Amino acid sequence: MKTMTSKEAQNSFGAFLDTAQREPVMVTRRNRPVGVMLSMENLPALFELADSMRETIKAGVKAGLADAKAGRGQELTDGYIADLKAELQARIDSNNSK
């Protein structure tokens, strides 16, 4: 992802828009990220990913509630959380390659 300061984006708005058509552009102000510009072509995929994540979360909550009711559980160790993060990253990467 390309990064531009807000001043650069303002002073070179045409180039800013052209770059955003090719790849997301993070805009910073005072060395802090304040926004991202991306192509409209990326928007449907972003919404699709959000919908997919929402459904996955809902299914996980339902399964978790059923497990809790049945007395099954999983201790949230650092290793377990790391595995969950790796699985989520793999799903994100898989969706990005489509």
PDB file of N, CA and C in Angstrom:
ATOM      1  N   MET A   1       0.848  -1.174   0.000  1.00  0.00           N
ATOM      2  CA  MET A   1       0.000   0.000   0.000  1.00  0.00           C
ATOM      3  C   MET A   1       0.888   1.229   0.000  1.00  0.00           C
ATOM      4  N   LYS A   2       0.591   2.129  -0.890  1.00  0.00           N
ATOM      5  CA  LYS A   2       1.327   3.388  -0.968  1.00  0.00           C
ATOM      6  C   LYS A   2       0.857   4.314   0.152  1.00  0.00           C
ATOM      7  N   THR A   3       1.751   5.157   0.620  1.00  0.00           N
ATOM      8  CA  THR A   3       1.429   6.135   1.662  1.00  0.00           C
ATOM      9  C   THR A   3       1.737   7.532   1.138  1.00  0.00           C
ATOM     10  N   MET A   4       0.814   8.451   1.388  1.00  0.00           N
ATOM     11  CA  MET A   4       1.020   9.860   1.037  1.00  0.00           C
ATOM     12  C   MET A   4       0.606  10.722   2.224  1.00  0.00           C
ATOM     13  N   THR A   5       1.276  11.841   2.374  1.00  0.00           N
ATOM     14  CA  THR A   5       0.822  12.789   3.385  1.00  0.00           C
ATOM     15  C   THR A   5      -0.407  13.505   2.845  1.00  0.00           C
ATOM     16  N   SER A   6      -1.178  14.091   3.738  1.00  0.00           N
ATOM     17  CA  SER A   6      -2.364  14.831   3.296  1.00  0.00           C
ATOM     18  C   SER A   6      -1.952  16.008   2.410  1.00  0.00           C
ATOM     19  N   LYS A   7      -0.828  16.590   2.687  1.00  0.00           N
ATOM     20  CA  LYS A   7      -0.334  17.719   1.887  1.00  0.00           C
ATOM     21  C   LYS A   7       0.012  17.246   0.474  1.00  0.00           C
ATOM     22  N   GLU A   8       0.697  16.089   0.362  1.00  0.00           N
ATOM     23  CA  GLU A   8       1.025  15.542  -0.954  1.00  0.00           C
ATOM     24  C   GLU A   8      -0.251  15.223  -1.745  1.00  0.00           C
ATOM     25  N   ALA A   9      -1.228  14.628  -1.063  1.00  0.00           N
ATOM     26  CA  ALA A   9      -2.494  14.282  -1.722  1.00  0.00           C
ATOM     27  C   ALA A   9      -3.205  15.548  -2.204  1.00  0.00           C
ATOM     28  N   GLN A  10      -3.154  16.590  -1.398  1.00  0.00           N
ATOM     29  CA  GLN A  10      -3.802  17.856  -1.759  1.00  0.00           C
ATOM     30  C   GLN A  10      -3.089  18.518  -2.933  1.00  0.00           C
ATOM     31  N   ASN A  11      -1.775  18.553  -2.877  1.00  0.00           N
ATOM     32  CA  ASN A  11      -1.005  19.250  -3.903  1.00  0.00           C
ATOM     33  C   ASN A  11      -0.923  18.484  -5.222  1.00  0.00           C
ATOM     34  N   SER A  12      -1.078  17.166  -5.164  1.00  0.00           N
ATOM     35  CA  SER A  12      -0.996  16.326  -6.370  1.00  0.00           C
ATOM     36  C   SER A  12      -2.230  15.446  -6.449  1.00  0.00           C
ATOM     37  N   PHE A  13      -3.407  16.067  -6.407  1.00  0.00           N
ATOM     38  CA  PHE A  13      -4.650  15.311  -6.312  1.00  0.00           C
ATOM     39  C   PHE A  13      -4.854  14.365  -7.494  1.00  0.00           C
ATOM     40  N   GLY A  14      -4.493  14.800  -8.693  1.00  0.00           N
ATOM     41  CA  GLY A  14      -4.623  13.941  -9.867  1.00  0.00           C
ATOM     42  C   GLY A  14      -3.782  12.684  -9.738  1.00  0.00           C
ATOM     43  N   ALA A  15      -2.542  12.852  -9.318  1.00  0.00           N
ATOM     44  CA  ALA A  15      -1.651  11.698  -9.122  1.00  0.00           C
ATOM     45  C   ALA A  15      -2.168  10.808  -7.989  1.00  0.00           C
ATOM     46  N   PHE A  16      -2.706  11.439  -6.964  1.00  0.00           N
ATOM     47  CA  PHE A  16      -3.297  10.706  -5.836  1.00  0.00           C
ATOM     48  C   PHE A  16      -4.420   9.799  -6.332  1.00  0.00           C
ATOM     49  N   LEU A  17      -5.327  10.355  -7.161  1.00  0.00           N
ATOM     50  CA  LEU A  17      -6.438   9.567  -7.699  1.00  0.00           C
ATOM     51  C   LEU A  17      -5.942   8.466  -8.629  1.00  0.00           C
ATOM     52  N   ASP A  18      -4.963   8.782  -9.461  1.00  0.00           N
ATOM     53  CA  ASP A  18      -4.411   7.768 -10.370  1.00  0.00           C
ATOM     54  C   ASP A  18      -3.803   6.609  -9.591  1.00  0.00           C
ATOM     55  N   THR A  19      -3.061   6.924  -8.543  1.00  0.00           N
ATOM     56  CA  THR A  19      -2.444   5.881  -7.729  1.00  0.00           C
ATOM     57  C   THR A  19      -3.508   5.033  -7.044  1.00  0.00           C
ATOM     58  N   ALA A  20      -4.560   5.675  -6.545  1.00  0.00           N
ATOM     59  CA  ALA A  20      -5.634   4.943  -5.857  1.00  0.00           C
ATOM     60  C   ALA A  20      -6.374   3.996  -6.799  1.00  0.00           C
ATOM     61  N   GLN A  21      -6.315   4.252  -8.104  1.00  0.00           N
ATOM     62  CA  GLN A  21      -6.932   3.337  -9.060  1.00  0.00           C
ATOM     63  C   GLN A  21      -6.123   2.050  -9.192  1.00  0.00           C
ATOM     64  N   ARG A  22      -4.824   2.126  -8.899  1.00  0.00           N
ATOM     65  CA  ARG A  22      -3.940   0.960  -9.025  1.00  0.00           C
ATOM     66  C   ARG A  22      -3.777   0.198  -7.720  1.00  0.00           C
ATOM     67  N   GLU A  23      -3.770   0.931  -6.598  1.00  0.00           N
ATOM     68  CA  GLU A  23      -3.559   0.311  -5.287  1.00  0.00           C
ATOM     69  C   GLU A  23      -4.104   1.242  -4.208  1.00  0.00           C
ATOM     70  N   PRO A  24      -4.473   0.683  -3.039  1.00  0.00           N
ATOM     71  CA  PRO A  24      -4.936   1.552  -1.949  1.00  0.00           C
ATOM     72  C   PRO A  24      -3.838   2.543  -1.542  1.00  0.00           C
ATOM     73  N   VAL A  25      -4.250   3.736  -1.157  1.00  0.00           N
ATOM     74  CA  VAL A  25      -3.309   4.777  -0.717  1.00  0.00           C
ATOM     75  C   VAL A  25      -3.696   5.209   0.695  1.00  0.00           C
ATOM     76  N   MET A  26      -2.773   5.011   1.634  1.00  0.00           N
ATOM     77  CA  MET A  26      -3.002   5.477   3.000  1.00  0.00           C
ATOM     78  C   MET A  26      -2.572   6.938   3.079  1.00  0.00           C
ATOM     79  N   VAL A  27      -3.427   7.759   3.669  1.00  0.00           N
ATOM     80  CA  VAL A  27      -3.134   9.190   3.829  1.00  0.00           C
ATOM     81  C   VAL A  27      -2.773   9.428   5.290  1.00  0.00           C
ATOM     82  N   THR A  28      -1.663  10.130   5.485  1.00  0.00           N
ATOM     83  CA  THR A  28      -1.224  10.441   6.846  1.00  0.00           C
ATOM     84  C   THR A  28      -1.275  11.946   7.072  1.00  0.00           C
ATOM     85  N   ARG A  29      -1.424  12.300   8.332  1.00  0.00           N
ATOM     86  CA  ARG A  29      -1.373  13.705   8.755  1.00  0.00           C
ATOM     87  C   ARG A  29      -0.590  13.725  10.058  1.00  0.00           C
ATOM     88  N   ARG A  30       0.449  14.521  10.082  1.00  0.00           N
ATOM     89  CA  ARG A  30       1.336  14.576  11.249  1.00  0.00           C
ATOM     90  C   ARG A  30       1.832  13.180  11.622  1.00  0.00           C
ATOM     91  N   ASN A  31       2.212  12.426  10.590  1.00  0.00           N
ATOM     92  CA  ASN A  31       2.771  11.072  10.733  1.00  0.00           C
ATOM     93  C   ASN A  31       1.811  10.049  11.331  1.00  0.00           C
ATOM     94  N   ARG A  32       0.499  10.341  11.286  1.00  0.00           N
ATOM     95  CA  ARG A  32      -0.504   9.371  11.762  1.00  0.00           C
ATOM     96  C   ARG A  32      -1.451   9.039  10.611  1.00  0.00           C
ATOM     97  N   PRO A  33      -1.802   7.757  10.449  1.00  0.00           N
ATOM     98  CA  PRO A  33      -2.762   7.403   9.400  1.00  0.00           C
ATOM     99  C   PRO A  33      -4.122   8.018   9.700  1.00  0.00           C
ATOM    100  N   VAL A  34      -4.726   8.648   8.687  1.00  0.00           N
ATOM    101  CA  VAL A  34      -6.034   9.279   8.875  1.00  0.00           C
ATOM    102  C   VAL A  34      -7.086   8.762   7.891  1.00  0.00           C
ATOM    103  N   GLY A  35      -6.656   8.047   6.858  1.00  0.00           N
ATOM    104  CA  GLY A  35      -7.626   7.531   5.903  1.00  0.00           C
ATOM    105  C   GLY A  35      -6.975   6.705   4.824  1.00  0.00           C
ATOM    106  N   VAL A  36      -7.836   6.058   4.051  1.00  0.00           N
ATOM    107  CA  VAL A  36      -7.379   5.249   2.926  1.00  0.00           C
ATOM    108  C   VAL A  36      -8.267   5.546   1.731  1.00  0.00           C
ATOM    109  N   MET A  37      -7.651   5.725   0.593  1.00  0.00           N
ATOM    110  CA  MET A  37      -8.390   5.898  -0.665  1.00  0.00           C
ATOM    111  C   MET A  37      -8.152   4.637  -1.478  1.00  0.00           C
ATOM    112  N   LEU A  38      -9.254   4.084  -2.010  1.00  0.00           N
ATOM    113  CA  LEU A  38      -9.114   2.926  -2.872  1.00  0.00           C
ATOM    114  C   LEU A  38     -10.055   3.049  -4.045  1.00  0.00           C
ATOM    115  N   SER A  39      -9.792   2.247  -5.054  1.00  0.00           N
ATOM    116  CA  SER A  39     -10.594   2.273  -6.268  1.00  0.00           C
ATOM    117  C   SER A  39     -12.003   1.771  -5.984  1.00  0.00           C
ATOM    118  N   MET A  40     -12.967   2.311  -6.694  1.00  0.00           N
ATOM    119  CA  MET A  40     -14.349   1.827  -6.583  1.00  0.00           C
ATOM    120  C   MET A  40     -14.438   0.367  -6.987  1.00  0.00           C
ATOM    121  N   GLU A  41     -13.502  -0.095  -7.802  1.00  0.00           N
ATOM    122  CA  GLU A  41     -13.483  -1.506  -8.208  1.00  0.00           C
ATOM    123  C   GLU A  41     -13.232  -2.423  -7.020  1.00  0.00           C
ATOM    124  N   ASN A  42     -12.597  -1.924  -5.964  1.00  0.00           N
ATOM    125  CA  ASN A  42     -12.319  -2.720  -4.775  1.00  0.00           C
ATOM    126  C   ASN A  42     -13.509  -2.800  -3.826  1.00  0.00           C
ATOM    127  N   LEU A  43     -14.464  -1.916  -3.978  1.00  0.00           N
ATOM    128  CA  LEU A  43     -15.566  -1.820  -3.028  1.00  0.00           C
ATOM    129  C   LEU A  43     -16.416  -3.086  -2.937  1.00  0.00           C
ATOM    130  N   PRO A  44     -16.855  -3.687  -4.044  1.00  0.00           N
ATOM    131  CA  PRO A  44     -17.661  -4.912  -3.918  1.00  0.00           C
ATOM    132  C   PRO A  44     -16.932  -6.032  -3.173  1.00  0.00           C
ATOM    133  N   ALA A  45     -15.639  -6.193  -3.433  1.00  0.00           N
ATOM    134  CA  ALA A  45     -14.868  -7.233  -2.747  1.00  0.00           C
ATOM    135  C   ALA A  45     -14.778  -6.929  -1.250  1.00  0.00           C
ATOM    136  N   LEU A  46     -14.664  -5.663  -0.910  1.00  0.00           N
ATOM    137  CA  LEU A  46     -14.597  -5.271   0.495  1.00  0.00           C
ATOM    138  C   LEU A  46     -15.907  -5.588   1.207  1.00  0.00           C
ATOM    139  N   PHE A  47     -17.034  -5.271   0.569  1.00  0.00           N
ATOM    140  CA  PHE A  47     -18.338  -5.594   1.149  1.00  0.00           C
ATOM    141  C   PHE A  47     -18.553  -7.096   1.240  1.00  0.00           C
ATOM    142  N   GLU A  48     -18.107  -7.824   0.233  1.00  0.00           N
ATOM    143  CA  GLU A  48     -18.229  -9.284   0.243  1.00  0.00           C
ATOM    144  C   GLU A  48     -17.433  -9.882   1.407  1.00  0.00           C
ATOM    145  N   LEU A  49     -16.233  -9.372   1.612  1.00  0.00           N
ATOM    146  CA  LEU A  49     -15.410  -9.852   2.721  1.00  0.00           C
ATOM    147  C   LEU A  49     -16.081  -9.543   4.058  1.00  0.00           C
ATOM    148  N   ALA A  50     -16.635  -8.344   4.199  1.00  0.00           N
ATOM    149  CA  ALA A  50     -17.319  -7.973   5.442  1.00  0.00           C
ATOM    150  C   ALA A  50     -18.517  -8.878   5.697  1.00  0.00           C
ATOM    151  N   ASP A  51     -19.290  -9.156   4.652  1.00  0.00           N
ATOM    152  CA  ASP A  51     -20.444 -10.053   4.800  1.00  0.00           C
ATOM    153  C   ASP A  51     -20.002 -11.448   5.204  1.00  0.00           C
ATOM    154  N   SER A  52     -18.946 -11.936   4.571  1.00  0.00           N
ATOM    155  CA  SER A  52     -18.424 -13.264   4.884  1.00  0.00           C
ATOM    156  C   SER A  52     -17.934 -13.322   6.331  1.00  0.00           C
ATOM    157  N   MET A  53     -17.235 -12.289   6.762  1.00  0.00           N
ATOM    158  CA  MET A  53     -16.741 -12.253   8.139  1.00  0.00           C
ATOM    159  C   MET A  53     -17.906 -12.198   9.124  1.00  0.00           C
ATOM    160  N   ARG A  54     -18.943 -11.431   8.783  1.00  0.00           N
ATOM    161  CA  ARG A  54     -20.120 -11.330   9.648  1.00  0.00           C
ATOM    162  C   ARG A  54     -20.767 -12.708   9.826  1.00  0.00           C
ATOM    163  N   GLU A  55     -20.921 -13.435   8.725  1.00  0.00           N
ATOM    164  CA  GLU A  55     -21.524 -14.767   8.790  1.00  0.00           C
ATOM    165  C   GLU A  55     -20.643 -15.729   9.578  1.00  0.00           C
ATOM    166  N   THR A  56     -19.344 -15.641   9.389  1.00  0.00           N
ATOM    167  CA  THR A  56     -18.412 -16.499  10.131  1.00  0.00           C
ATOM    168  C   THR A  56     -18.485 -16.202  11.627  1.00  0.00           C
ATOM    169  N   ILE A  57     -18.560 -14.932  11.977  1.00  0.00           N
ATOM    170  CA  ILE A  57     -18.656 -14.542  13.386  1.00  0.00           C
ATOM    171  C   ILE A  57     -19.967 -15.040  13.991  1.00  0.00           C
ATOM    172  N   LYS A  58     -21.079 -14.860  13.247  1.00  0.00           N
ATOM    173  CA  LYS A  58     -22.371 -15.330  13.755  1.00  0.00           C
ATOM    174  C   LYS A  58     -22.350 -16.841  13.985  1.00  0.00           C
ATOM    175  N   ALA A  59     -21.786 -17.586  13.029  1.00  0.00           N
ATOM    176  CA  ALA A  59     -21.707 -19.037  13.173  1.00  0.00           C
ATOM    177  C   ALA A  59     -20.823 -19.407  14.365  1.00  0.00           C
ATOM    178  N   GLY A  60     -19.739 -18.678  14.544  1.00  0.00           N
ATOM    179  CA  GLY A  60     -18.841 -18.943  15.666  1.00  0.00           C
ATOM    180  C   GLY A  60     -19.501 -18.673  17.008  1.00  0.00           C
ATOM    181  N   VAL A  61     -20.267 -17.594  17.079  1.00  0.00           N
ATOM    182  CA  VAL A  61     -20.974 -17.273  18.320  1.00  0.00           C
ATOM    183  C   VAL A  61     -21.998 -18.358  18.634  1.00  0.00           C
ATOM    184  N   LYS A  62     -22.763 -18.784  17.621  1.00  0.00           N
ATOM    185  CA  LYS A  62     -23.751 -19.844  17.833  1.00  0.00           C
ATOM    186  C   LYS A  62     -23.077 -21.127  18.303  1.00  0.00           C
ATOM    187  N   ALA A  63     -21.973 -21.495  17.657  1.00  0.00           N
ATOM    188  CA  ALA A  63     -21.244 -22.707  18.049  1.00  0.00           C
ATOM    189  C   ALA A  63     -20.683 -22.558  19.459  1.00  0.00           C
ATOM    190  N   GLY A  64     -20.177 -21.374  19.775  1.00  0.00           N
ATOM    191  CA  GLY A  64     -19.631 -21.133  21.107  1.00  0.00           C
ATOM    192  C   GLY A  64     -20.695 -21.227  22.192  1.00  0.00           C
ATOM    193  N   LEU A  65     -21.856 -20.677  21.911  1.00  0.00           N
ATOM    194  CA  LEU A  65     -22.954 -20.767  22.880  1.00  0.00           C
ATOM    195  C   LEU A  65     -23.395 -22.213  23.075  1.00  0.00           C
ATOM    196  N   ALA A  66     -23.453 -22.962  21.975  1.00  0.00           N
ATOM    197  CA  ALA A  66     -23.821 -24.385  22.081  1.00  0.00           C
ATOM    198  C   ALA A  66     -22.767 -25.152  22.869  1.00  0.00           C
ATOM    199  N   ASP A  67     -21.488 -24.860  22.619  1.00  0.00           N
ATOM    200  CA  ASP A  67     -20.411 -25.525  23.370  1.00  0.00           C
ATOM    201  C   ASP A  67     -20.495 -25.183  24.852  1.00  0.00           C
ATOM    202  N   ALA A  68     -20.728 -23.907  25.161  1.00  0.00           N
ATOM    203  CA  ALA A  68     -20.825 -23.494  26.560  1.00  0.00           C
ATOM    204  C   ALA A  68     -21.992 -24.192  27.246  1.00  0.00           C
ATOM    205  N   LYS A  69     -23.115 -24.279  26.556  1.00  0.00           N
ATOM    206  CA  LYS A  69     -24.292 -24.942  27.118  1.00  0.00           C
ATOM    207  C   LYS A  69     -24.023 -26.416  27.368  1.00  0.00           C
ATOM    208  N   ALA A  70     -23.218 -27.046  26.501  1.00  0.00           N
ATOM    209  CA  ALA A  70     -22.894 -28.471  26.624  1.00  0.00           C
ATOM    210  C   ALA A  70     -21.697 -28.705  27.552  1.00  0.00           C
ATOM    211  N   GLY A  71     -21.118 -27.624  28.085  1.00  0.00           N
ATOM    212  CA  GLY A  71     -19.996 -27.777  29.014  1.00  0.00           C
ATOM    213  C   GLY A  71     -18.648 -27.913  28.333  1.00  0.00           C
ATOM    214  N   ARG A  72     -18.589 -27.671  27.028  1.00  0.00           N
ATOM    215  CA  ARG A  72     -17.314 -27.735  26.304  1.00  0.00           C
ATOM    216  C   ARG A  72     -16.724 -26.331  26.250  1.00  0.00           C
ATOM    217  N   GLY A  73     -15.437 -26.253  26.315  1.00  0.00           N
ATOM    218  CA  GLY A  73     -14.800 -24.945  26.257  1.00  0.00           C
ATOM    219  C   GLY A  73     -13.373 -25.038  25.767  1.00  0.00           C
ATOM    220  N   GLN A  74     -12.766 -23.898  25.519  1.00  0.00           N
ATOM    221  CA  GLN A  74     -11.382 -23.828  25.058  1.00  0.00           C
ATOM    222  C   GLN A  74     -10.699 -22.723  25.835  1.00  0.00           C
ATOM    223  N   GLU A  75      -9.590 -23.053  26.453  1.00  0.00           N
ATOM    224  CA  GLU A  75      -8.832 -22.050  27.182  1.00  0.00           C
ATOM    225  C   GLU A  75      -8.164 -21.106  26.185  1.00  0.00           C
ATOM    226  N   LEU A  76      -8.273 -19.823  26.425  1.00  0.00           N
ATOM    227  CA  LEU A  76      -7.703 -18.825  25.513  1.00  0.00           C
ATOM    228  C   LEU A  76      -6.239 -18.567  25.845  1.00  0.00           C
ATOM    229  N   THR A  77      -5.412 -19.531  25.480  1.00  0.00           N
ATOM    230  CA  THR A  77      -3.972 -19.386  25.680  1.00  0.00           C
ATOM    231  C   THR A  77      -3.396 -18.511  24.579  1.00  0.00           C
ATOM    232  N   ASP A  78      -2.188 -18.041  24.771  1.00  0.00           N
ATOM    233  CA  ASP A  78      -1.522 -17.241  23.736  1.00  0.00           C
ATOM    234  C   ASP A  78      -1.385 -18.041  22.442  1.00  0.00           C
ATOM    235  N   GLY A  79      -1.080 -19.331  22.561  1.00  0.00           N
ATOM    236  CA  GLY A  79      -0.939 -20.180  21.381  1.00  0.00           C
ATOM    237  C   GLY A  79      -2.242 -20.330  20.619  1.00  0.00           C
ATOM    238  N   TYR A  80      -3.339 -20.513  21.345  1.00  0.00           N
ATOM    239  CA  TYR A  80      -4.647 -20.657  20.707  1.00  0.00           C
ATOM    240  C   TYR A  80      -5.032 -19.366  19.974  1.00  0.00           C
ATOM    241  N   ILE A  81      -4.793 -18.233  20.614  1.00  0.00           N
ATOM    242  CA  ILE A  81      -5.097 -16.942  19.993  1.00  0.00           C
ATOM    243  C   ILE A  81      -4.220 -16.729  18.756  1.00  0.00           C
ATOM    244  N   ALA A  82      -2.954 -17.108  18.820  1.00  0.00           N
ATOM    245  CA  ALA A  82      -2.056 -16.994  17.662  1.00  0.00           C
ATOM    246  C   ALA A  82      -2.565 -17.859  16.512  1.00  0.00           C
ATOM    247  N   ASP A  83      -3.051 -19.068  16.824  1.00  0.00           N
ATOM    248  CA  ASP A  83      -3.608 -19.946  15.787  1.00  0.00           C
ATOM    249  C   ASP A  83      -4.834 -19.311  15.143  1.00  0.00           C
ATOM    250  N   LEU A  84      -5.698 -18.701  15.954  1.00  0.00           N
ATOM    251  CA  LEU A  84      -6.886 -18.029  15.412  1.00  0.00           C
ATOM    252  C   LEU A  84      -6.494 -16.882  14.488  1.00  0.00           C
ATOM    253  N   LYS A  85      -5.494 -16.107  14.900  1.00  0.00           N
ATOM    254  CA  LYS A  85      -5.032 -14.993  14.073  1.00  0.00           C
ATOM    255  C   LYS A  85      -4.470 -15.500  12.751  1.00  0.00           C
ATOM    256  N   ALA A  86      -3.701 -16.588  12.801  1.00  0.00           N
ATOM    257  CA  ALA A  86      -3.125 -17.156  11.580  1.00  0.00           C
ATOM    258  C   ALA A  86      -4.230 -17.652  10.647  1.00  0.00           C
ATOM    259  N   GLU A  87      -5.258 -18.280  11.215  1.00  0.00           N
ATOM    260  CA  GLU A  87      -6.381 -18.761  10.399  1.00  0.00           C
ATOM    261  C   GLU A  87      -7.115 -17.594   9.743  1.00  0.00           C
ATOM    262  N   LEU A  88      -7.342 -16.531  10.495  1.00  0.00           N
ATOM    263  CA  LEU A  88      -8.014 -15.358   9.948  1.00  0.00           C
ATOM    264  C   LEU A  88      -7.174 -14.729   8.844  1.00  0.00           C
ATOM    265  N   GLN A  89      -5.867 -14.626   9.040  1.00  0.00           N
ATOM    266  CA  GLN A  89      -4.997 -14.045   8.020  1.00  0.00           C
ATOM    267  C   GLN A  89      -5.023 -14.891   6.758  1.00  0.00           C
ATOM    268  N   ALA A  90      -5.049 -16.211   6.909  1.00  0.00           N
ATOM    269  CA  ALA A  90      -5.123 -17.096   5.751  1.00  0.00           C
ATOM    270  C   ALA A  90      -6.429 -16.885   4.984  1.00  0.00           C
ATOM    271  N   ARG A  91      -7.515 -16.697   5.698  1.00  0.00           N
ATOM    272  CA  ARG A  91      -8.810 -16.431   5.036  1.00  0.00           C
ATOM    273  C   ARG A  91      -8.778 -15.099   4.297  1.00  0.00           C
ATOM    274  N   ILE A  92      -8.193 -14.087   4.920  1.00  0.00           N
ATOM    275  CA  ILE A  92      -8.092 -12.767   4.283  1.00  0.00           C
ATOM    276  C   ILE A  92      -7.246 -12.869   3.027  1.00  0.00           C
ATOM    277  N   ASP A  93      -6.107 -13.556   3.136  1.00  0.00           N
ATOM    278  CA  ASP A  93      -5.232 -13.723   1.983  1.00  0.00           C
ATOM    279  C   ASP A  93      -5.922 -14.477   0.865  1.00  0.00           C
ATOM    280  N   SER A  94      -6.699 -15.494   1.225  1.00  0.00           N
ATOM    281  CA  SER A  94      -7.441 -16.274   0.243  1.00  0.00           C
ATOM    282  C   SER A  94      -8.471 -15.407  -0.478  1.00  0.00           C
ATOM    283  N   ASN A  95      -9.172 -14.568   0.258  1.00  0.00           N
ATOM    284  CA  ASN A  95     -10.163 -13.670  -0.351  1.00  0.00           C
ATOM    285  C   ASN A  95      -9.497 -12.626  -1.238  1.00  0.00           C
ATOM    286  N   ASN A  96      -8.302 -12.185  -0.864  1.00  0.00           N
ATOM    287  CA  ASN A  96      -7.591 -11.183  -1.661  1.00  0.00           C
ATOM    288  C   ASN A  96      -7.083 -11.745  -2.977  1.00  0.00           C
ATOM    289  N   SER A  97      -6.834 -13.056  -3.018  1.00  0.00           N
ATOM    290  CA  SER A  97      -6.295 -13.655  -4.233  1.00  0.00           C
ATOM    291  C   SER A  97      -7.382 -14.008  -5.241  1.00  0.00           C
ATOM    292  N   LYS A  98      -8.635 -13.821  -4.874  1.00  0.00           N
ATOM    293  CA  LYS A  98      -9.746 -14.144  -5.794  1.00  0.00           C
ATOM    294  C   LYS A  98      -9.940 -13.088  -6.833  1.00  0.00           C
TER     295      LYS A  98
END
